[in-house]
Amino acid sequence: MMMDALHDVLAPFGPQAGHVHALWTLTLAVCTVVFAAVLAALLVALLRAQRAGAESAPDLSSLGRPEPGRRRSVIAAVAASTLLLLALIAASIFTDRALARLSTDGALRLEVTAHQWWWEVRYVEPQVADSFMTANEIHVPTGRPVIVTLKADDVIHSFWVPSLAGKKDLIPGRTATLNFRADRDGIYRGQCAEFCGSQHALMAFFVLAEPPERYAAWAAAQRRTAGEPAEGQLLRGREIFMRSSCAMCHAIDGTSAQAVRGPNLTHLASRSTLAAGSLANTPEDLRRWIADPQQVKPGTYMPATRLSSEDMDALVGYLQTLR
C-alpha cells in the first residue's frame, strides 16, 4: 500500500520544498541560539544570586543603586532580538518570492477538488478530448513544473506534499493555485493538513513522479475508456454495478455510469490504494470496502452494498479489470 512513499518535510525533492526547508532550517538555527542564550543567562543569574536563609532580612539596596551594566545588557538583548526577528521576516519574504519564481513554461496543469474524504484529480489538457480524471493518485513527469488549481467541494481542506511543496488551503467558493516540480523519481505521500471532519486522518493521496516517457504511457492509458468485459462472469459483474447503488455515485467511462458524486472508477484497478489511502487495492480489501465502508471509514458517505457472495465475486472481478 505504497509503504515506500516519502512523507518527510526534511527531505525536499523539488525546488519549492527546498525553499521551505531552507527557511525552516534558518528559523530552527535562530531559535536554537536564542533558547541557548536564554538558558545561559538564567544559569548565570542563578549562580551569581546571593544566598539567603529563612531568617535573613530582605536586601533592598539595589533598588536605589544605578546598574548601567545591566541596563546595557537588556538594551543589547532587545536590540539583538529585534534584529533577529527582522532577519526572519526578511527571510520569509525572500522565500515567498522564491516560491513565486518557479518557471511554469510547459507546465502540466491539474485541477484538484477536495471532498470529504477523498481527492478528485482532473488533468487539464489543451485539447479537451485529451483531458481525463482520476482520484487520490497524481502522476507527474519528473523535471516538469506542475500547476495545481485547488478547490473544495464541502469544507476547508489543505493540500500538502511535504517533500515537494508547502501547504495550501482549499476553501469552498474560492480557487487557489500551487506550483511544484518533482526533481527525482519516486512516490511522495500527501495529506489533508486541515481538520475537515471525522475521517480527516484518512484523507491521503500520493504523487508518483516518473520519467516523462513512463508518464506519457500512463496518461495515454488513462484516456482510454473501459473495455468490454471478456466473459460471462465479468459481464455479470458489470450488470451488478449498473443496477446497484454503485452507478448512482461513480462513473466508468465507456458505460452508461456517469455519476460524479464519488471517484471516477474507469481505471480503478491501476491505483495502489482504496478510500484515499485507507486500504490496499486488493480483491479482499475491495470486497471489504464495498460490503461495509463504515467499518473502514466511519462517517463516509458511501453506503454499504449488500450482495450475495457470488454477486460480490462477480462485481469485484469486474472492477479488477478496470485498468
Protein backbone atom coordinates (compact mmCIF):
# COMPACT_ATOMS: atom_id res chain seq x y z
CA MET A 1 0.00 0.00 0.00
CA MET A 2 2.75 2.38 -1.08
CA MET A 3 4.68 1.78 2.13
CA ASP A 4 7.76 3.29 0.48
CA ALA A 5 6.03 6.62 -0.11
CA LEU A 6 8.09 9.54 1.18
CA HIS A 7 6.39 11.92 3.61
CA ASP A 8 9.17 14.00 5.13
CA VAL A 9 9.43 17.78 5.29
CA LEU A 10 13.16 17.37 5.97
CA ALA A 11 13.71 15.52 2.67
CA PRO A 12 12.91 18.00 -0.12
CA PHE A 13 12.96 16.70 -3.71
CA GLY A 14 11.75 19.79 -5.52
CA PRO A 15 12.68 23.48 -5.59
CA GLN A 16 9.56 24.58 -3.71
CA ALA A 17 10.13 22.15 -0.87
CA GLY A 18 13.81 23.14 -0.89
CA HIS A 19 12.97 26.82 -0.29
CA VAL A 20 10.62 25.89 2.56
CA HIS A 21 13.26 23.60 4.06
CA ALA A 22 15.90 26.35 3.92
CA LEU A 23 13.59 28.77 5.75
CA TRP A 24 12.79 26.13 8.36
CA THR A 25 16.49 25.41 8.89
CA LEU A 26 17.28 29.11 9.37
CA THR A 27 14.37 29.55 11.78
CA LEU A 28 15.45 26.50 13.77
CA ALA A 29 19.03 27.78 13.99
CA VAL A 30 17.95 31.24 15.18
CA CYS A 31 15.51 29.85 17.74
CA THR A 32 18.12 27.38 19.00
CA VAL A 33 20.67 30.17 19.54
CA VAL A 34 18.09 32.35 21.32
CA PHE A 35 16.95 29.47 23.50
CA ALA A 36 20.55 28.62 24.41
CA ALA A 37 21.26 32.30 25.22
CA VAL A 38 18.21 32.50 27.50
CA LEU A 39 19.22 29.32 29.33
CA ALA A 40 22.79 30.62 29.69
CA ALA A 41 21.55 33.92 31.12
CA LEU A 42 19.31 32.05 33.55
CA LEU A 43 22.19 29.84 34.65
CA VAL A 44 24.48 32.86 35.22
CA ALA A 45 21.77 34.60 37.23
CA LEU A 46 21.28 31.52 39.40
CA LEU A 47 25.00 31.11 40.03
CA ARG A 48 25.57 34.79 40.87
CA ALA A 49 22.48 35.24 43.03
CA GLN A 50 23.14 35.87 46.70
CA ARG A 51 22.15 33.10 49.05
CA ALA A 52 19.86 33.82 51.98
CA GLY A 53 18.26 31.82 54.73
CA ALA A 54 14.79 31.93 56.19
CA GLU A 55 15.92 34.39 58.86
CA SER A 56 17.78 36.75 56.51
CA ALA A 57 16.47 40.28 56.19
CA PRO A 58 15.50 41.37 52.68
CA ASP A 59 18.24 43.26 50.81
CA LEU A 60 16.65 46.26 49.06
CA SER A 61 19.83 48.16 48.43
CA SER A 62 19.76 47.51 44.71
CA LEU A 63 16.52 49.46 44.31
CA GLY A 64 18.24 52.80 44.61
CA ARG A 65 21.59 51.81 43.09
CA PRO A 66 22.27 52.59 39.41
CA GLU A 67 23.01 49.50 37.30
CA PRO A 68 24.31 50.77 33.94
CA GLY A 69 25.90 47.43 33.06
CA ARG A 70 22.67 45.51 33.43
CA ARG A 71 20.78 48.25 31.59
CA ARG A 72 23.17 47.94 28.66
CA SER A 73 22.76 44.15 28.71
CA VAL A 74 18.97 44.44 28.49
CA ILE A 75 19.18 47.01 25.67
CA ALA A 76 21.62 44.79 23.77
CA ALA A 77 19.37 41.75 24.20
CA VAL A 78 16.30 43.67 22.98
CA ALA A 79 18.25 45.02 20.00
CA ALA A 80 19.56 41.56 19.11
CA SER A 81 16.07 40.06 19.38
CA THR A 82 14.65 42.78 17.14
CA LEU A 83 17.37 42.27 14.54
CA LEU A 84 16.85 38.51 14.55
CA LEU A 85 13.07 38.91 14.14
CA LEU A 86 13.60 41.34 11.27
CA ALA A 87 16.01 38.86 9.69
CA LEU A 88 13.41 36.09 9.90
CA ILE A 89 10.77 38.37 8.40
CA ALA A 90 13.14 39.22 5.53
CA ALA A 91 13.95 35.52 5.03
CA SER A 92 10.22 34.72 4.91
CA ILE A 93 9.65 37.43 2.28
CA PHE A 94 12.57 36.21 0.16
CA THR A 95 11.31 32.63 0.45
CA ASP A 96 7.84 33.69 -0.67
CA ARG A 97 9.35 35.44 -3.69
CA ALA A 98 11.49 32.41 -4.50
CA LEU A 99 8.40 30.20 -4.41
CA ALA A 100 6.69 32.53 -6.89
CA ARG A 101 9.66 32.48 -9.28
CA LEU A 102 9.35 28.81 -10.27
CA SER A 103 9.25 28.71 -14.06
CA THR A 104 5.96 27.30 -15.35
CA ASP A 105 6.92 27.03 -19.02
CA GLY A 106 5.40 23.87 -20.45
CA ALA A 107 3.73 23.09 -17.13
CA LEU A 108 1.36 20.19 -16.57
CA ARG A 109 -2.00 21.55 -15.40
CA LEU A 110 -4.13 19.78 -12.83
CA GLU A 111 -7.37 20.63 -11.11
CA VAL A 112 -7.71 19.04 -7.67
CA THR A 113 -11.02 19.14 -5.80
CA ALA A 114 -11.13 18.02 -2.18
CA HIS A 115 -14.17 16.13 -0.87
CA GLN A 116 -14.94 14.51 2.44
CA TRP A 117 -12.76 12.40 2.37
CA TRP A 118 -11.07 11.90 -0.98
CA TRP A 119 -9.33 13.83 -3.77
CA GLU A 120 -10.67 14.31 -7.28
CA VAL A 121 -7.91 14.95 -9.85
CA ARG A 122 -8.59 16.29 -13.33
CA TYR A 123 -5.79 16.52 -15.88
CA VAL A 124 -6.47 19.61 -17.96
CA GLU A 125 -5.02 19.37 -21.48
CA PRO A 126 -5.09 21.96 -24.29
CA GLN A 127 -7.31 19.59 -26.25
CA VAL A 128 -10.44 18.91 -24.22
CA ALA A 129 -10.65 15.37 -25.58
CA ASP A 130 -7.26 14.62 -24.03
CA SER A 131 -8.35 15.62 -20.50
CA PHE A 132 -9.15 12.86 -18.04
CA MET A 133 -9.95 12.26 -14.36
CA THR A 134 -8.59 10.07 -11.62
CA ALA A 135 -8.69 10.05 -7.82
CA ASN A 136 -6.28 10.04 -4.88
CA GLU A 137 -3.20 9.43 -7.05
CA ILE A 138 -1.35 12.09 -9.02
CA HIS A 139 1.16 11.06 -11.67
CA VAL A 140 3.63 13.72 -12.81
CA PRO A 141 6.72 13.67 -15.05
CA THR A 142 9.98 14.47 -13.27
CA GLY A 143 11.64 17.74 -14.15
CA ARG A 144 8.41 19.31 -15.43
CA PRO A 145 6.60 22.03 -13.46
CA VAL A 146 3.06 21.32 -12.32
CA ILE A 147 0.35 23.94 -11.79
CA VAL A 148 -2.38 22.69 -9.46
CA THR A 149 -5.66 24.56 -9.24
CA LEU A 150 -7.24 23.76 -5.87
CA LYS A 151 -10.94 23.73 -4.98
CA ALA A 152 -13.03 22.42 -2.09
CA ASP A 153 -16.43 20.81 -2.51
CA ASP A 154 -17.69 20.97 1.07
CA VAL A 155 -15.45 22.23 3.91
CA ILE A 156 -11.95 23.68 4.23
CA HIS A 157 -9.18 21.23 3.34
CA SER A 158 -5.42 21.67 2.93
CA PHE A 159 -3.23 20.16 0.19
CA TRP A 160 0.22 19.17 1.46
CA VAL A 161 3.00 17.09 -0.10
CA PRO A 162 5.88 17.92 2.29
CA SER A 163 8.68 16.59 0.09
CA LEU A 164 7.53 18.64 -2.92
CA ALA A 165 5.82 21.82 -1.71
CA GLY A 166 4.30 23.69 1.22
CA LYS A 167 0.69 23.64 2.34
CA LYS A 168 -2.14 25.37 0.52
CA ASP A 169 -5.69 25.67 1.88
CA LEU A 170 -8.73 24.80 -0.22
CA ILE A 171 -11.68 26.99 0.75
CA PRO A 172 -15.22 26.40 -0.57
CA GLY A 173 -16.17 29.06 -3.11
CA ARG A 174 -12.55 30.09 -3.73
CA THR A 175 -9.83 28.89 -6.07
CA ALA A 176 -6.18 28.61 -5.06
CA THR A 177 -3.08 27.69 -7.06
CA LEU A 178 0.01 25.71 -6.06
CA ASN A 179 3.08 25.16 -8.23
CA PHE A 180 5.70 22.47 -7.71
CA ARG A 181 8.23 20.34 -9.55
CA ALA A 182 9.49 16.87 -8.67
CA ASP A 183 13.19 16.52 -9.46
CA ARG A 184 13.55 12.86 -8.52
CA ASP A 185 11.55 9.77 -9.45
CA GLY A 186 9.64 8.40 -6.51
CA ILE A 187 6.38 8.16 -4.62
CA TYR A 188 5.52 11.08 -2.37
CA ARG A 189 2.73 10.88 0.17
CA GLY A 190 0.39 13.82 0.59
CA GLN A 191 -2.17 14.52 3.28
CA CYS A 192 -5.03 16.85 4.03
CA ALA A 193 -3.45 19.16 6.62
CA GLU A 194 -6.61 20.95 7.81
CA PHE A 195 -9.11 19.19 10.07
CA CYS A 196 -12.09 18.50 7.82
CA GLY A 197 -14.23 16.05 9.72
CA SER A 198 -14.16 12.69 11.44
CA GLN A 199 -12.07 10.95 8.76
CA HIS A 200 -9.58 13.78 8.22
CA ALA A 201 -6.68 11.48 9.13
CA LEU A 202 -7.73 9.02 6.41
CA MET A 203 -7.59 11.56 3.58
CA ALA A 204 -4.24 10.83 1.99
CA PHE A 205 -3.07 10.96 -1.60
CA PHE A 206 0.07 10.03 -3.48
CA VAL A 207 2.19 11.83 -6.04
CA LEU A 208 4.04 9.43 -8.33
CA ALA A 209 6.92 11.18 -10.09
CA GLU A 210 8.22 9.17 -13.02
CA PRO A 211 10.31 9.66 -16.19
CA PRO A 212 8.47 11.61 -18.93
CA GLU A 213 8.13 8.57 -21.22
CA ARG A 214 6.58 6.45 -18.45
CA TYR A 215 4.24 9.28 -17.53
CA ALA A 216 3.18 9.65 -21.18
CA ALA A 217 2.36 5.93 -21.35
CA TRP A 218 0.33 6.17 -18.13
CA ALA A 219 -1.58 9.24 -19.36
CA ALA A 220 -2.36 7.53 -22.69
CA ALA A 221 -3.79 4.56 -20.79
CA GLN A 222 -5.89 6.85 -18.58
CA ARG A 223 -7.51 8.44 -21.64
CA ARG A 224 -8.89 5.09 -22.79
CA THR A 225 -12.41 4.14 -21.80
CA ALA A 226 -13.27 0.90 -20.05
CA GLY A 227 -13.18 -2.09 -22.35
CA GLU A 228 -15.93 -4.62 -22.93
CA PRO A 229 -15.83 -7.49 -20.38
CA ALA A 230 -14.41 -10.62 -21.96
CA GLU A 231 -16.59 -13.36 -20.48
CA GLY A 232 -19.81 -14.12 -18.68
CA GLN A 233 -18.75 -13.63 -15.06
CA LEU A 234 -17.29 -10.20 -15.83
CA LEU A 235 -20.37 -9.21 -17.83
CA ARG A 236 -22.46 -10.19 -14.84
CA GLY A 237 -20.22 -8.04 -12.64
CA ARG A 238 -20.76 -5.02 -14.85
CA GLU A 239 -24.52 -5.61 -14.81
CA ILE A 240 -24.48 -5.76 -10.99
CA PHE A 241 -22.55 -2.46 -10.91
CA MET A 242 -25.10 -0.79 -13.19
CA ARG A 243 -28.17 -1.92 -11.28
CA SER A 244 -26.79 -1.37 -7.78
CA SER A 245 -26.17 1.87 -5.89
CA CYS A 246 -22.61 1.96 -7.33
CA ALA A 247 -23.74 3.58 -10.58
CA MET A 248 -25.57 6.31 -8.64
CA CYS A 249 -22.27 7.77 -7.37
CA HIS A 250 -19.46 6.60 -9.66
CA ALA A 251 -18.58 6.95 -13.32
CA ILE A 252 -16.95 4.41 -15.62
CA ASP A 253 -16.10 5.98 -18.96
CA GLY A 254 -17.40 3.95 -21.86
CA THR A 255 -20.51 2.84 -19.95
CA SER A 256 -23.80 4.45 -19.01
CA ALA A 257 -22.49 5.08 -15.47
CA GLN A 258 -21.62 8.79 -15.45
CA ALA A 259 -22.30 9.92 -11.87
CA VAL A 260 -19.82 12.32 -10.27
CA ARG A 261 -20.61 12.03 -6.56
CA GLY A 262 -17.77 9.58 -5.91
CA PRO A 263 -14.40 8.88 -7.52
CA ASN A 264 -14.22 8.01 -11.21
CA LEU A 265 -13.60 4.25 -11.42
CA THR A 266 -12.62 3.90 -15.09
CA HIS A 267 -9.09 2.85 -14.12
CA LEU A 268 -9.68 1.78 -10.53
CA ALA A 269 -7.51 -1.33 -10.77
CA SER A 270 -4.46 0.72 -11.80
CA ARG A 271 -4.42 2.51 -8.42
CA SER A 272 -2.49 1.19 -5.46
CA THR A 273 -4.92 2.12 -2.70
CA LEU A 274 -8.61 2.42 -1.96
CA ALA A 275 -10.55 5.01 0.04
CA ALA A 276 -7.85 7.73 -0.15
CA GLY A 277 -5.03 5.55 1.12
CA SER A 278 -7.05 3.69 3.76
CA LEU A 279 -6.76 0.23 2.17
CA ALA A 280 -4.54 -1.59 -0.29
CA ASN A 281 -6.18 -2.13 -3.67
CA THR A 282 -6.55 -5.90 -3.37
CA PRO A 283 -9.62 -8.03 -4.14
CA GLU A 284 -10.05 -8.76 -0.43
CA ASP A 285 -9.92 -5.12 0.64
CA LEU A 286 -12.09 -4.04 -2.28
CA ARG A 287 -14.72 -6.56 -1.21
CA ARG A 288 -14.47 -5.32 2.37
CA TRP A 289 -14.80 -1.69 1.28
CA ILE A 290 -17.85 -2.33 -0.90
CA ALA A 291 -19.62 -4.51 1.66
CA ASP A 292 -19.26 -2.23 4.68
CA PRO A 293 -17.35 1.04 4.19
CA GLN A 294 -18.39 2.28 7.65
CA GLN A 295 -16.08 -0.33 9.19
CA VAL A 296 -13.15 1.30 7.38
CA LYS A 297 -14.08 4.99 7.45
CA PRO A 298 -16.96 5.64 9.86
CA GLY A 299 -18.98 8.58 8.62
CA THR A 300 -18.09 8.15 4.96
CA TYR A 301 -20.91 8.92 2.54
CA MET A 302 -20.50 5.65 0.66
CA PRO A 303 -23.36 3.27 1.58
CA ALA A 304 -22.94 -0.44 2.24
CA THR A 305 -23.74 -2.68 -0.72
CA ARG A 306 -25.42 -5.91 0.33
CA LEU A 307 -24.77 -8.65 -2.22
CA SER A 308 -24.63 -12.42 -2.21
CA SER A 309 -21.18 -13.98 -2.19
CA GLU A 310 -21.50 -14.88 -5.88
CA ASP A 311 -22.62 -11.40 -6.89
CA MET A 312 -19.84 -9.79 -4.84
CA ASP A 313 -17.25 -12.01 -6.53
CA ALA A 314 -18.58 -11.01 -9.94
CA LEU A 315 -18.61 -7.30 -9.08
CA VAL A 316 -15.09 -7.34 -7.62
CA GLY A 317 -13.84 -9.37 -10.58
CA TYR A 318 -15.22 -6.78 -12.99
CA LEU A 319 -13.77 -3.83 -11.07
CA GLN A 320 -10.37 -5.54 -11.03
CA THR A 321 -10.32 -5.44 -14.85
CA LEU A 322 -10.62 -1.64 -14.92
CA ARG A 323 -7.02 -0.76 -15.68
